[in-house]
Amino acid sequence: MRIGMTFVGVNIFLENMVFGAVLIAAVAITIDRSKIAVIK
């Protein structure tokens, strides 16, 4: 993913922000929400 953005010419700061957002989204999708206790 990073190589592709560098090849296209994306700014390094924007590249890091996009990579971080994708990483956070991937963790949020894969986490099992039923095992997390919610304080009420």
PDB file of N, CA and C in Angstrom:
ATOM      1  N   MET A   1       0.833  -1.184   0.000  1.00  0.00           N
ATOM      2  CA  MET A   1       0.000   0.000   0.000  1.00  0.00           C
ATOM      3  C   MET A   1       0.880   1.251   0.000  1.00  0.00           C
ATOM      4  N   ARG A   2       1.881   1.262   0.858  1.00  0.00           N
ATOM      5  CA  ARG A   2       2.752   2.440   0.916  1.00  0.00           C
ATOM      6  C   ARG A   2       3.538   2.633  -0.376  1.00  0.00           C
ATOM      7  N   ILE A   3       3.977   1.535  -0.963  1.00  0.00           N
ATOM      8  CA  ILE A   3       4.735   1.642  -2.210  1.00  0.00           C
ATOM      9  C   ILE A   3       3.857   2.247  -3.302  1.00  0.00           C
ATOM     10  N   GLY A   4       2.601   1.839  -3.332  1.00  0.00           N
ATOM     11  CA  GLY A   4       1.678   2.377  -4.328  1.00  0.00           C
ATOM     12  C   GLY A   4       1.448   3.866  -4.155  1.00  0.00           C
ATOM     13  N   MET A   5       1.274   4.306  -2.902  1.00  0.00           N
ATOM     14  CA  MET A   5       1.052   5.734  -2.663  1.00  0.00           C
ATOM     15  C   MET A   5       2.307   6.537  -2.978  1.00  0.00           C
ATOM     16  N   THR A   6       3.475   5.978  -2.659  1.00  0.00           N
ATOM     17  CA  THR A   6       4.723   6.664  -2.982  1.00  0.00           C
ATOM     18  C   THR A   6       4.897   6.755  -4.493  1.00  0.00           C
ATOM     19  N   PHE A   7       4.547   5.691  -5.187  1.00  0.00           N
ATOM     20  CA  PHE A   7       4.659   5.664  -6.655  1.00  0.00           C
ATOM     21  C   PHE A   7       3.752   6.704  -7.301  1.00  0.00           C
ATOM     22  N   VAL A   8       2.554   6.882  -6.732  1.00  0.00           N
ATOM     23  CA  VAL A   8       1.609   7.861  -7.270  1.00  0.00           C
ATOM     24  C   VAL A   8       2.055   9.282  -6.934  1.00  0.00           C
ATOM     25  N   GLY A   9       2.809   9.452  -5.846  1.00  0.00           N
ATOM     26  CA  GLY A   9       3.311  10.765  -5.475  1.00  0.00           C
ATOM     27  C   GLY A   9       2.552  11.410  -4.336  1.00  0.00           C
ATOM     28  N   VAL A  10       1.976  10.593  -3.453  1.00  0.00           N
ATOM     29  CA  VAL A  10       1.229  11.115  -2.311  1.00  0.00           C
ATOM     30  C   VAL A  10       2.218  11.678  -1.290  1.00  0.00           C
ATOM     31  N   ASN A  11       1.851  12.779  -0.656  1.00  0.00           N
ATOM     32  CA  ASN A  11       2.655  13.403   0.386  1.00  0.00           C
ATOM     33  C   ASN A  11       2.920  12.395   1.501  1.00  0.00           C
ATOM     34  N   ILE A  12       4.132  12.389   2.066  1.00  0.00           N
ATOM     35  CA  ILE A  12       4.516  11.416   3.090  1.00  0.00           C
ATOM     36  C   ILE A  12       3.649  11.555   4.345  1.00  0.00           C
ATOM     37  N   PHE A  13       3.267  12.784   4.707  1.00  0.00           N
ATOM     38  CA  PHE A  13       2.413  12.999   5.878  1.00  0.00           C
ATOM     39  C   PHE A  13       1.035  12.397   5.646  1.00  0.00           C
ATOM     40  N   LEU A  14       0.467  12.639   4.485  1.00  0.00           N
ATOM     41  CA  LEU A  14      -0.839  12.083   4.140  1.00  0.00           C
ATOM     42  C   LEU A  14      -0.762  10.560   4.042  1.00  0.00           C
ATOM     43  N   GLU A  15       0.349  10.061   3.529  1.00  0.00           N
ATOM     44  CA  GLU A  15       0.556   8.616   3.422  1.00  0.00           C
ATOM     45  C   GLU A  15       0.517   7.963   4.803  1.00  0.00           C
ATOM     46  N   ASN A  16       1.176   8.577   5.778  1.00  0.00           N
ATOM     47  CA  ASN A  16       1.170   8.046   7.143  1.00  0.00           C
ATOM     48  C   ASN A  16      -0.224   8.112   7.759  1.00  0.00           C
ATOM     49  N   MET A  17      -0.959   9.183   7.496  1.00  0.00           N
ATOM     50  CA  MET A  17      -2.310   9.307   8.045  1.00  0.00           C
ATOM     51  C   MET A  17      -3.234   8.250   7.453  1.00  0.00           C
ATOM     52  N   VAL A  18      -3.143   8.017   6.158  1.00  0.00           N
ATOM     53  CA  VAL A  18      -3.978   7.004   5.508  1.00  0.00           C
ATOM     54  C   VAL A  18      -3.626   5.623   6.032  1.00  0.00           C
ATOM     55  N   PHE A  19      -2.340   5.333   6.166  1.00  0.00           N
ATOM     56  CA  PHE A  19      -1.906   4.031   6.670  1.00  0.00           C
ATOM     57  C   PHE A  19      -2.418   3.810   8.095  1.00  0.00           C
ATOM     58  N   GLY A  20      -2.348   4.830   8.945  1.00  0.00           N
ATOM     59  CA  GLY A  20      -2.849   4.724  10.312  1.00  0.00           C
ATOM     60  C   GLY A  20      -4.350   4.512  10.357  1.00  0.00           C
ATOM     61  N   ALA A  21      -5.081   5.214   9.504  1.00  0.00           N
ATOM     62  CA  ALA A  21      -6.538   5.060   9.464  1.00  0.00           C
ATOM     63  C   ALA A  21      -6.931   3.659   9.012  1.00  0.00           C
ATOM     64  N   VAL A  22      -6.224   3.119   8.025  1.00  0.00           N
ATOM     65  CA  VAL A  22      -6.508   1.760   7.557  1.00  0.00           C
ATOM     66  C   VAL A  22      -6.188   0.752   8.649  1.00  0.00           C
ATOM     67  N   LEU A  23      -5.101   0.965   9.364  1.00  0.00           N
ATOM     68  CA  LEU A  23      -4.720   0.063  10.454  1.00  0.00           C
ATOM     69  C   LEU A  23      -5.764   0.075  11.566  1.00  0.00           C
ATOM     70  N   ILE A  24      -6.225   1.245  11.967  1.00  0.00           N
ATOM     71  CA  ILE A  24      -7.255   1.358  13.005  1.00  0.00           C
ATOM     72  C   ILE A  24      -8.557   0.727  12.540  1.00  0.00           C
ATOM     73  N   ALA A  25      -8.928   0.949  11.299  1.00  0.00           N
ATOM     74  CA  ALA A  25     -10.155   0.355  10.762  1.00  0.00           C
ATOM     75  C   ALA A  25     -10.062  -1.164  10.747  1.00  0.00           C
ATOM     76  N   ALA A  26      -8.905  -1.706  10.389  1.00  0.00           N
ATOM     77  CA  ALA A  26      -8.731  -3.158  10.352  1.00  0.00           C
ATOM     78  C   ALA A  26      -8.860  -3.757  11.748  1.00  0.00           C
ATOM     79  N   VAL A  27      -8.299  -3.107  12.744  1.00  0.00           N
ATOM     80  CA  VAL A  27      -8.410  -3.594  14.121  1.00  0.00           C
ATOM     81  C   VAL A  27      -9.852  -3.503  14.590  1.00  0.00           C
ATOM     82  N   ALA A  28     -10.535  -2.405  14.278  1.00  0.00           N
ATOM     83  CA  ALA A  28     -11.926  -2.227  14.695  1.00  0.00           C
ATOM     84  C   ALA A  28     -12.838  -3.272  14.062  1.00  0.00           C
ATOM     85  N   ILE A  29     -12.549  -3.660  12.840  1.00  0.00           N
ATOM     86  CA  ILE A  29     -13.381  -4.656  12.158  1.00  0.00           C
ATOM     87  C   ILE A  29     -13.142  -6.051  12.722  1.00  0.00           C
ATOM     88  N   THR A  30     -11.891  -6.373  13.055  1.00  0.00           N
ATOM     89  CA  THR A  30     -11.561  -7.735  13.475  1.00  0.00           C
ATOM     90  C   THR A  30     -11.763  -7.994  14.962  1.00  0.00           C
ATOM     91  N   ILE A  31     -11.912  -6.952  15.767  1.00  0.00           N
ATOM     92  CA  ILE A  31     -12.061  -7.159  17.213  1.00  0.00           C
ATOM     93  C   ILE A  31     -13.436  -7.771  17.504  1.00  0.00           C
ATOM     94  N   ASP A  32     -13.466  -8.680  18.463  1.00  0.00           N
ATOM     95  CA  ASP A  32     -14.720  -9.336  18.839  1.00  0.00           C
ATOM     96  C   ASP A  32     -15.406  -8.476  19.898  1.00  0.00           C
ATOM     97  N   ARG A  33     -16.416  -7.739  19.490  1.00  0.00           N
ATOM     98  CA  ARG A  33     -17.071  -6.787  20.391  1.00  0.00           C
ATOM     99  C   ARG A  33     -17.897  -7.465  21.477  1.00  0.00           C
ATOM    100  N   SER A  34     -18.259  -8.717  21.305  1.00  0.00           N
ATOM    101  CA  SER A  34     -19.081  -9.402  22.304  1.00  0.00           C
ATOM    102  C   SER A  34     -18.289  -9.710  23.570  1.00  0.00           C
ATOM    103  N   LYS A  35     -16.963  -9.724  23.484  1.00  0.00           N
ATOM    104  CA  LYS A  35     -16.138 -10.038  24.651  1.00  0.00           C
ATOM    105  C   LYS A  35     -15.747  -8.796  25.447  1.00  0.00           C
ATOM    106  N   ILE A  36     -16.080  -7.619  24.948  1.00  0.00           N
ATOM    107  CA  ILE A  36     -15.725  -6.377  25.627  1.00  0.00           C
ATOM    108  C   ILE A  36     -16.845  -5.991  26.582  1.00  0.00           C
ATOM    109  N   ALA A  37     -16.483  -5.795  27.847  1.00  0.00           N
ATOM    110  CA  ALA A  37     -17.475  -5.401  28.846  1.00  0.00           C
ATOM    111  C   ALA A  37     -17.730  -3.899  28.735  1.00  0.00           C
ATOM    112  N   VAL A  38     -18.985  -3.535  28.695  1.00  0.00           N
ATOM    113  CA  VAL A  38     -19.366  -2.130  28.614  1.00  0.00           C
ATOM    114  C   VAL A  38     -19.850  -1.691  29.986  1.00  0.00           C
ATOM    115  N   ILE A  39     -19.277  -0.614  30.486  1.00  0.00           N
ATOM    116  CA  ILE A  39     -19.669  -0.099  31.800  1.00  0.00           C
ATOM    117  C   ILE A  39     -20.936   0.723  31.637  1.00  0.00           C
ATOM    118  N   LYS A  40     -21.972   0.356  32.392  1.00  0.00           N
ATOM    119  CA  LYS A  40     -23.246   1.079  32.304  1.00  0.00           C
ATOM    120  C   LYS A  40     -23.534   1.805  33.593  1.00  0.00           C
TER     121      LYS A  40
END
